Amino acid sequence: QLVESGGGLVQTGGSLRLSCTASGSIFSIHYMGWYRQAPGKQRELVAQMPSGGITNYADSVKGRFSISGDNAKNTVYLQMNTLKPEDTAVYYCNVGVSGYYGGPNFNYWGQGTQVTVSS
């Protein structure tokens, strides 16, 4: 289960931090990331942090957003700075986990949290 928090309404240029905590039977986390979906648009990758890999950001958020994780808490964060109206969307966390050693990866999605940036 993934529980998100931290969305809300902010003015242009403001900041928000999203959090997403995974719970349940987790042996290892393979990747943690954030996606977003604006009205009338497809869901798109915002940032992804593979375990032991290179963090990947969408070009539109590079230099403004930062993804980080706390493995001890099974939590991923998205720090969003210098927000723009075009960042308005529902943000979803996405986590891939295994429940035991050598087990298959299961892909989970959070419930989504609304981020609205006013101009």
N, C-alpha and C. Protein backbone atom coordinates (compact mmCIF):
# COMPACT_ATOMS: atom_id res chain seq x y z
N GLN A 1 0.84 -1.19 0.00
CA GLN A 1 0.00 0.00 0.00
C GLN A 1 0.88 1.24 0.00
N LEU A 2 0.46 2.23 -0.77
CA LEU A 2 1.19 3.50 -0.83
C LEU A 2 0.27 4.61 -0.36
N VAL A 3 0.78 5.44 0.51
CA VAL A 3 0.01 6.58 1.02
C VAL A 3 0.77 7.85 0.71
N GLU A 4 0.12 8.74 -0.03
CA GLU A 4 0.74 10.00 -0.43
C GLU A 4 0.23 11.14 0.44
N SER A 5 1.05 12.17 0.54
CA SER A 5 0.63 13.39 1.20
C SER A 5 1.45 14.55 0.67
N GLY A 6 0.98 15.76 0.95
CA GLY A 6 1.76 16.94 0.64
C GLY A 6 1.26 17.80 -0.49
N GLY A 7 0.24 17.39 -1.20
CA GLY A 7 -0.28 18.23 -2.28
C GLY A 7 -1.01 19.43 -1.73
N GLY A 8 -1.43 20.31 -2.66
CA GLY A 8 -2.18 21.48 -2.24
C GLY A 8 -2.14 22.57 -3.27
N LEU A 9 -2.55 23.75 -2.84
CA LEU A 9 -2.60 24.93 -3.70
C LEU A 9 -1.44 25.86 -3.34
N VAL A 10 -0.72 26.31 -4.36
CA VAL A 10 0.42 27.19 -4.13
C VAL A 10 0.48 28.20 -5.27
N GLN A 11 1.06 29.35 -4.99
CA GLN A 11 1.22 30.37 -6.03
C GLN A 11 2.44 30.08 -6.89
N THR A 12 2.45 30.66 -8.07
CA THR A 12 3.60 30.54 -8.96
C THR A 12 4.86 30.96 -8.23
N GLY A 13 5.89 30.12 -8.38
CA GLY A 13 7.16 30.38 -7.72
C GLY A 13 7.28 29.74 -6.35
N GLY A 14 6.20 29.19 -5.85
CA GLY A 14 6.21 28.56 -4.54
C GLY A 14 6.78 27.15 -4.56
N SER A 15 6.73 26.53 -3.39
CA SER A 15 7.29 25.18 -3.24
C SER A 15 6.31 24.27 -2.51
N LEU A 16 6.44 22.99 -2.81
CA LEU A 16 5.69 21.95 -2.11
C LEU A 16 6.59 20.72 -2.00
N ARG A 17 6.35 19.91 -0.99
CA ARG A 17 7.04 18.63 -0.89
C ARG A 17 6.03 17.52 -0.75
N LEU A 18 6.10 16.58 -1.66
CA LEU A 18 5.23 15.41 -1.62
C LEU A 18 5.95 14.26 -0.93
N SER A 19 5.17 13.45 -0.23
CA SER A 19 5.72 12.26 0.43
C SER A 19 4.88 11.06 0.04
N CYS A 20 5.52 9.92 0.00
CA CYS A 20 4.82 8.67 -0.31
C CYS A 20 5.47 7.56 0.49
N THR A 21 4.68 6.90 1.33
CA THR A 21 5.20 5.84 2.18
C THR A 21 4.59 4.51 1.80
N ALA A 22 5.44 3.53 1.62
CA ALA A 22 5.00 2.18 1.30
C ALA A 22 4.92 1.35 2.57
N SER A 23 3.89 0.54 2.64
CA SER A 23 3.72 -0.34 3.79
C SER A 23 3.36 -1.74 3.31
N GLY A 24 3.47 -2.69 4.22
CA GLY A 24 3.18 -4.08 3.85
C GLY A 24 4.43 -4.91 3.87
N SER A 25 4.37 -6.05 3.20
CA SER A 25 5.49 -6.97 3.18
C SER A 25 6.49 -6.51 2.12
N ILE A 26 7.54 -5.85 2.57
CA ILE A 26 8.55 -5.30 1.65
C ILE A 26 9.91 -5.87 2.03
N PHE A 27 10.51 -6.62 1.10
CA PHE A 27 11.87 -7.10 1.32
C PHE A 27 12.87 -6.14 0.69
N SER A 28 12.58 -5.71 -0.53
CA SER A 28 13.47 -4.76 -1.19
C SER A 28 12.66 -3.85 -2.11
N ILE A 29 13.18 -2.65 -2.29
CA ILE A 29 12.57 -1.68 -3.19
C ILE A 29 13.46 -1.54 -4.41
N HIS A 30 12.89 -1.74 -5.57
CA HIS A 30 13.68 -1.70 -6.81
C HIS A 30 13.72 -0.30 -7.42
N TYR A 31 12.64 0.43 -7.28
CA TYR A 31 12.60 1.79 -7.80
C TYR A 31 11.49 2.55 -7.10
N MET A 32 11.67 3.86 -7.06
CA MET A 32 10.66 4.76 -6.51
C MET A 32 10.59 5.94 -7.44
N GLY A 33 9.39 6.43 -7.68
CA GLY A 33 9.27 7.53 -8.61
C GLY A 33 7.96 8.27 -8.48
N TRP A 34 7.86 9.33 -9.27
CA TRP A 34 6.66 10.16 -9.30
C TRP A 34 6.24 10.39 -10.75
N TYR A 35 4.95 10.32 -10.97
CA TYR A 35 4.33 10.64 -12.24
C TYR A 35 3.28 11.71 -11.99
N ARG A 36 2.82 12.33 -13.07
CA ARG A 36 1.72 13.28 -12.93
C ARG A 36 0.80 13.20 -14.14
N GLN A 37 -0.42 13.62 -13.90
CA GLN A 37 -1.41 13.63 -14.98
C GLN A 37 -2.24 14.88 -14.87
N ALA A 38 -2.13 15.72 -15.90
CA ALA A 38 -2.92 16.93 -15.98
C ALA A 38 -4.23 16.63 -16.71
N PRO A 39 -5.25 17.45 -16.50
CA PRO A 39 -6.54 17.21 -17.17
C PRO A 39 -6.39 17.13 -18.68
N GLY A 40 -6.93 16.08 -19.28
CA GLY A 40 -6.89 15.92 -20.72
C GLY A 40 -5.56 15.43 -21.27
N LYS A 41 -4.63 15.12 -20.38
CA LYS A 41 -3.31 14.68 -20.84
C LYS A 41 -3.00 13.29 -20.29
N GLN A 42 -2.01 12.66 -20.91
CA GLN A 42 -1.58 11.35 -20.44
C GLN A 42 -0.69 11.49 -19.21
N ARG A 43 -0.65 10.42 -18.45
CA ARG A 43 0.25 10.40 -17.30
C ARG A 43 1.69 10.42 -17.79
N GLU A 44 2.51 11.22 -17.15
CA GLU A 44 3.91 11.35 -17.57
C GLU A 44 4.86 11.20 -16.39
N LEU A 45 6.05 10.73 -16.70
CA LEU A 45 7.08 10.59 -15.69
C LEU A 45 7.57 11.96 -15.25
N VAL A 46 7.69 12.14 -13.95
CA VAL A 46 8.28 13.36 -13.40
C VAL A 46 9.72 13.07 -12.97
N ALA A 47 9.89 12.03 -12.17
CA ALA A 47 11.21 11.66 -11.69
C ALA A 47 11.18 10.21 -11.23
N GLN A 48 12.30 9.53 -11.46
CA GLN A 48 12.40 8.15 -11.02
C GLN A 48 13.77 7.89 -10.47
N MET A 49 13.81 7.09 -9.38
CA MET A 49 15.04 6.81 -8.68
C MET A 49 15.20 5.30 -8.56
N PRO A 50 15.89 4.66 -9.51
CA PRO A 50 16.10 3.21 -9.41
C PRO A 50 17.06 2.91 -8.27
N SER A 51 16.87 1.78 -7.61
CA SER A 51 17.77 1.39 -6.55
C SER A 51 19.17 1.15 -7.13
N GLY A 52 20.13 1.93 -6.66
CA GLY A 52 21.49 1.79 -7.15
C GLY A 52 21.72 2.33 -8.55
N GLY A 53 20.72 3.00 -9.10
CA GLY A 53 20.84 3.52 -10.45
C GLY A 53 20.87 5.03 -10.50
N ILE A 54 20.73 5.54 -11.71
CA ILE A 54 20.79 6.98 -11.94
C ILE A 54 19.39 7.56 -11.90
N THR A 55 19.24 8.63 -11.15
CA THR A 55 17.95 9.31 -11.07
C THR A 55 17.63 9.98 -12.40
N ASN A 56 16.38 9.87 -12.81
CA ASN A 56 15.94 10.41 -14.09
C ASN A 56 14.84 11.44 -13.85
N TYR A 57 14.96 12.59 -14.51
CA TYR A 57 13.96 13.64 -14.40
C TYR A 57 13.40 13.99 -15.77
N ALA A 58 12.14 14.40 -15.79
CA ALA A 58 11.57 14.97 -17.01
C ALA A 58 12.27 16.29 -17.28
N ASP A 59 12.47 16.61 -18.54
CA ASP A 59 13.16 17.86 -18.89
C ASP A 59 12.44 19.07 -18.31
N SER A 60 11.13 19.00 -18.23
CA SER A 60 10.35 20.15 -17.78
C SER A 60 10.54 20.48 -16.30
N VAL A 61 11.11 19.55 -15.53
CA VAL A 61 11.27 19.79 -14.09
C VAL A 61 12.73 19.82 -13.65
N LYS A 62 13.64 19.55 -14.56
CA LYS A 62 15.06 19.54 -14.20
C LYS A 62 15.47 20.89 -13.62
N GLY A 63 16.19 20.83 -12.52
CA GLY A 63 16.65 22.04 -11.87
C GLY A 63 15.65 22.64 -10.91
N ARG A 64 14.41 22.15 -10.94
CA ARG A 64 13.37 22.68 -10.04
C ARG A 64 12.88 21.63 -9.06
N PHE A 65 12.80 20.39 -9.50
CA PHE A 65 12.30 19.30 -8.66
C PHE A 65 13.45 18.40 -8.24
N SER A 66 13.30 17.78 -7.08
CA SER A 66 14.32 16.86 -6.58
C SER A 66 13.64 15.68 -5.91
N ILE A 67 14.02 14.47 -6.31
CA ILE A 67 13.48 13.26 -5.71
C ILE A 67 14.50 12.69 -4.74
N SER A 68 14.01 12.19 -3.62
CA SER A 68 14.89 11.57 -2.64
C SER A 68 14.14 10.46 -1.94
N GLY A 69 14.87 9.60 -1.27
CA GLY A 69 14.23 8.48 -0.60
C GLY A 69 14.84 8.18 0.75
N ASP A 70 14.04 7.58 1.60
CA ASP A 70 14.49 7.12 2.91
C ASP A 70 14.13 5.65 2.99
N ASN A 71 15.11 4.80 2.72
CA ASN A 71 14.83 3.37 2.66
C ASN A 71 14.38 2.82 4.02
N ALA A 72 14.91 3.38 5.09
CA ALA A 72 14.53 2.90 6.41
C ALA A 72 13.04 3.13 6.68
N LYS A 73 12.50 4.17 6.06
CA LYS A 73 11.09 4.50 6.25
C LYS A 73 10.23 4.09 5.05
N ASN A 74 10.87 3.48 4.05
CA ASN A 74 10.15 3.10 2.82
C ASN A 74 9.38 4.29 2.26
N THR A 75 10.04 5.42 2.23
CA THR A 75 9.39 6.67 1.84
C THR A 75 10.17 7.35 0.72
N VAL A 76 9.43 7.89 -0.24
CA VAL A 76 10.03 8.69 -1.30
C VAL A 76 9.43 10.09 -1.24
N TYR A 77 10.27 11.08 -1.51
CA TYR A 77 9.87 12.48 -1.45
C TYR A 77 10.05 13.11 -2.82
N LEU A 78 9.26 14.14 -3.07
CA LEU A 78 9.46 14.97 -4.25
C LEU A 78 9.41 16.42 -3.80
N GLN A 79 10.57 17.05 -3.79
CA GLN A 79 10.65 18.47 -3.46
C GLN A 79 10.45 19.27 -4.74
N MET A 80 9.45 20.11 -4.75
CA MET A 80 9.11 20.88 -5.96
C MET A 80 9.28 22.36 -5.66
N ASN A 81 10.22 22.97 -6.34
CA ASN A 81 10.50 24.40 -6.17
C ASN A 81 10.18 25.16 -7.45
N THR A 82 10.06 26.44 -7.31
CA THR A 82 9.80 27.33 -8.45
C THR A 82 8.65 26.77 -9.29
N LEU A 83 7.56 26.49 -8.63
CA LEU A 83 6.43 25.87 -9.30
C LEU A 83 5.79 26.82 -10.31
N LYS A 84 5.29 26.22 -11.39
CA LYS A 84 4.65 26.96 -12.48
C LYS A 84 3.22 26.45 -12.66
N PRO A 85 2.36 27.26 -13.26
CA PRO A 85 0.98 26.79 -13.50
C PRO A 85 0.93 25.49 -14.30
N GLU A 86 1.87 25.29 -15.18
CA GLU A 86 1.87 24.06 -15.98
C GLU A 86 2.28 22.83 -15.18
N ASP A 87 2.67 23.02 -13.93
CA ASP A 87 2.94 21.88 -13.05
C ASP A 87 1.65 21.35 -12.40
N THR A 88 0.55 22.07 -12.61
CA THR A 88 -0.72 21.65 -12.04
C THR A 88 -1.12 20.29 -12.58
N ALA A 89 -1.37 19.35 -11.67
CA ALA A 89 -1.70 17.98 -12.06
C ALA A 89 -1.97 17.16 -10.80
N VAL A 90 -2.45 15.95 -11.03
CA VAL A 90 -2.50 14.97 -9.96
C VAL A 90 -1.18 14.20 -10.00
N TYR A 91 -0.51 14.15 -8.87
CA TYR A 91 0.79 13.50 -8.79
C TYR A 91 0.63 12.12 -8.14
N TYR A 92 1.24 11.13 -8.77
CA TYR A 92 1.15 9.74 -8.30
C TYR A 92 2.55 9.22 -7.99
N CYS A 93 2.70 8.60 -6.85
CA CYS A 93 3.96 7.91 -6.61
C CYS A 93 3.87 6.49 -7.17
N ASN A 94 5.01 5.96 -7.50
CA ASN A 94 5.11 4.65 -8.14
C ASN A 94 6.31 3.93 -7.55
N VAL A 95 6.06 2.73 -7.04
CA VAL A 95 7.12 1.99 -6.35
C VAL A 95 7.11 0.55 -6.81
N GLY A 96 8.30 0.00 -7.01
CA GLY A 96 8.43 -1.40 -7.34
C GLY A 96 9.11 -2.13 -6.20
N VAL A 97 8.48 -3.18 -5.69
CA VAL A 97 9.00 -3.87 -4.51
C VAL A 97 8.94 -5.38 -4.72
N SER A 98 9.79 -6.05 -3.96
CA SER A 98 9.71 -7.51 -3.84
C SER A 98 9.37 -7.84 -2.39
N GLY A 99 8.56 -8.86 -2.19
CA GLY A 99 8.12 -9.22 -0.85
C GLY A 99 9.07 -10.17 -0.13
N TYR A 100 10.00 -10.77 -0.88
CA TYR A 100 10.96 -11.69 -0.29
C TYR A 100 12.18 -11.77 -1.19
N TYR A 101 13.24 -12.37 -0.67
CA TYR A 101 14.49 -12.46 -1.42
C TYR A 101 14.28 -13.22 -2.73
N GLY A 102 14.67 -12.61 -3.83
CA GLY A 102 14.53 -13.25 -5.13
C GLY A 102 13.13 -13.24 -5.68
N GLY A 103 12.20 -12.62 -4.96
CA GLY A 103 10.82 -12.59 -5.38
C GLY A 103 10.58 -11.66 -6.56
N PRO A 104 9.45 -11.79 -7.21
CA PRO A 104 9.15 -10.94 -8.36
C PRO A 104 8.88 -9.50 -7.94
N ASN A 105 9.06 -8.62 -8.92
CA ASN A 105 8.77 -7.22 -8.66
C ASN A 105 7.26 -6.97 -8.80
N PHE A 106 6.73 -6.25 -7.86
CA PHE A 106 5.35 -5.81 -7.95
C PHE A 106 5.34 -4.29 -8.05
N ASN A 107 4.59 -3.79 -9.00
CA ASN A 107 4.51 -2.35 -9.25
C ASN A 107 3.27 -1.77 -8.59
N TYR A 108 3.44 -0.77 -7.76
CA TYR A 108 2.33 -0.16 -7.04
C TYR A 108 2.23 1.32 -7.36
N TRP A 109 0.98 1.80 -7.29
CA TRP A 109 0.69 3.22 -7.50
C TRP A 109 0.01 3.80 -6.26
N GLY A 110 0.37 5.04 -5.96
CA GLY A 110 -0.33 5.76 -4.92
C GLY A 110 -1.69 6.22 -5.40
N GLN A 111 -2.46 6.78 -4.46
CA GLN A 111 -3.83 7.19 -4.78
C GLN A 111 -3.89 8.53 -5.53
N GLY A 112 -2.78 9.23 -5.55
CA GLY A 112 -2.72 10.51 -6.23
C GLY A 112 -2.99 11.66 -5.28
N THR A 113 -2.27 12.75 -5.49
CA THR A 113 -2.48 13.94 -4.71
C THR A 113 -2.47 15.15 -5.64
N GLN A 114 -3.42 16.04 -5.44
CA GLN A 114 -3.59 17.18 -6.35
C GLN A 114 -2.60 18.29 -6.01
N VAL A 115 -1.93 18.76 -7.03
CA VAL A 115 -1.08 19.94 -6.92
C VAL A 115 -1.63 20.99 -7.87
N THR A 116 -1.95 22.15 -7.33
CA THR A 116 -2.49 23.24 -8.14
C THR A 116 -1.62 24.48 -7.94
N VAL A 117 -1.13 25.00 -9.05
CA VAL A 117 -0.29 26.20 -9.00
C VAL A 117 -1.06 27.34 -9.65
N SER A 118 -1.33 28.36 -8.87
CA SER A 118 -2.09 29.50 -9.38
C SER A 118 -1.16 30.55 -9.96
N SER A 119 -1.64 31.22 -10.99
CA SER A 119 -0.82 32.25 -11.65
C SER A 119 -1.05 33.62 -11.04
